[in-house]
Amino acid sequence: MNFIACDGVWLHGGSGLPECNGVLHSVAGNEMRGLSGAALNWEQVSELQGEVMVLFAIVFGFLVLKKLL
């Protein structure tokens, strides 16, 4: 899969379509993987899941307290 990259800034044109004020480049999907950094290992995935669950519990608790008060 190929992606389009802009070496300038993406702008909204008058017709609502995106426009690049620089030069467009075609980037292969396998090249994009190298730009995003290394993949997460399972230990990092578990840690991230735990943090997301804590965040969910805090937000849920806040909403319950807001409803009760």
Protein backbone atom coordinates (compact mmCIF):
# COMPACT_ATOMS: atom_id res chain seq x y z
CA MET A 1 0.00 0.00 0.00
CA ASN A 2 1.34 3.45 -0.85
CA PHE A 3 0.71 6.71 0.95
CA ILE A 4 1.04 10.30 -0.17
CA ALA A 5 3.34 12.53 1.88
CA CYS A 6 3.75 16.28 1.66
CA ASP A 7 7.07 17.94 2.48
CA GLY A 8 5.19 21.17 3.21
CA VAL A 9 1.93 21.78 5.06
CA TRP A 10 -1.45 20.28 4.21
CA LEU A 11 -4.10 22.97 3.68
CA HIS A 12 -7.84 22.95 2.98
CA GLY A 13 -8.56 24.24 -0.50
CA GLY A 14 -11.54 26.33 -1.51
CA SER A 15 -13.44 23.21 -2.56
CA GLY A 16 -12.72 21.52 0.78
CA LEU A 17 -10.13 19.17 -0.69
CA PRO A 18 -6.68 18.91 0.90
CA GLU A 19 -3.87 20.73 -0.84
CA CYS A 20 -0.11 20.51 -0.27
CA ASN A 21 1.90 23.73 -0.39
CA GLY A 22 5.10 21.69 -0.95
CA VAL A 23 5.99 18.69 -3.07
CA LEU A 24 4.00 15.43 -2.93
CA HIS A 25 5.89 12.16 -2.49
CA SER A 26 4.74 8.56 -2.73
CA VAL A 27 5.78 6.51 0.33
CA ALA A 28 5.49 2.73 0.48
CA GLY A 29 3.72 1.20 3.48
CA ASN A 30 6.81 -0.72 4.61
CA GLU A 31 8.75 2.57 4.74
CA MET A 32 6.08 4.03 7.05
CA ARG A 33 6.71 1.29 9.61
CA GLY A 34 10.29 2.44 10.02
CA LEU A 35 9.18 6.02 10.69
CA SER A 36 6.87 5.17 13.56
CA GLY A 37 9.53 3.45 15.66
CA ALA A 38 9.73 -0.08 16.97
CA ALA A 39 6.63 -2.11 17.67
CA LEU A 40 5.51 -2.63 21.27
CA ASN A 41 6.50 -5.80 23.03
CA TRP A 42 3.99 -7.76 25.12
CA GLU A 43 5.25 -6.28 28.39
CA GLN A 44 4.62 -2.76 27.09
CA VAL A 45 1.18 -3.80 25.81
CA SER A 46 0.24 -5.14 29.26
CA GLU A 47 1.47 -1.97 30.95
CA LEU A 48 -0.45 0.22 28.52
CA GLN A 49 -3.63 -1.83 29.00
CA GLY A 50 -3.35 -1.42 32.76
CA GLU A 51 -2.94 2.35 32.43
CA VAL A 52 -5.95 2.57 30.12
CA MET A 53 -8.07 0.59 32.60
CA VAL A 54 -7.03 2.92 35.45
CA LEU A 55 -7.91 5.94 33.32
CA PHE A 56 -11.29 4.38 32.46
CA ALA A 57 -11.98 3.71 36.16
CA ILE A 58 -11.09 7.29 37.12
CA VAL A 59 -13.34 8.78 34.44
CA PHE A 60 -16.18 6.39 35.28
CA GLY A 61 -15.86 7.20 38.98
CA PHE A 62 -15.87 10.92 38.25
CA LEU A 63 -19.04 10.58 36.16
CA VAL A 64 -20.77 8.56 38.89
CA LEU A 65 -19.85 11.14 41.56
CA LYS A 66 -21.01 13.96 39.30
CA LYS A 67 -24.35 12.22 38.81
CA LEU A 68 -24.79 11.61 42.55
CA LEU A 69 -23.89 15.15 43.61
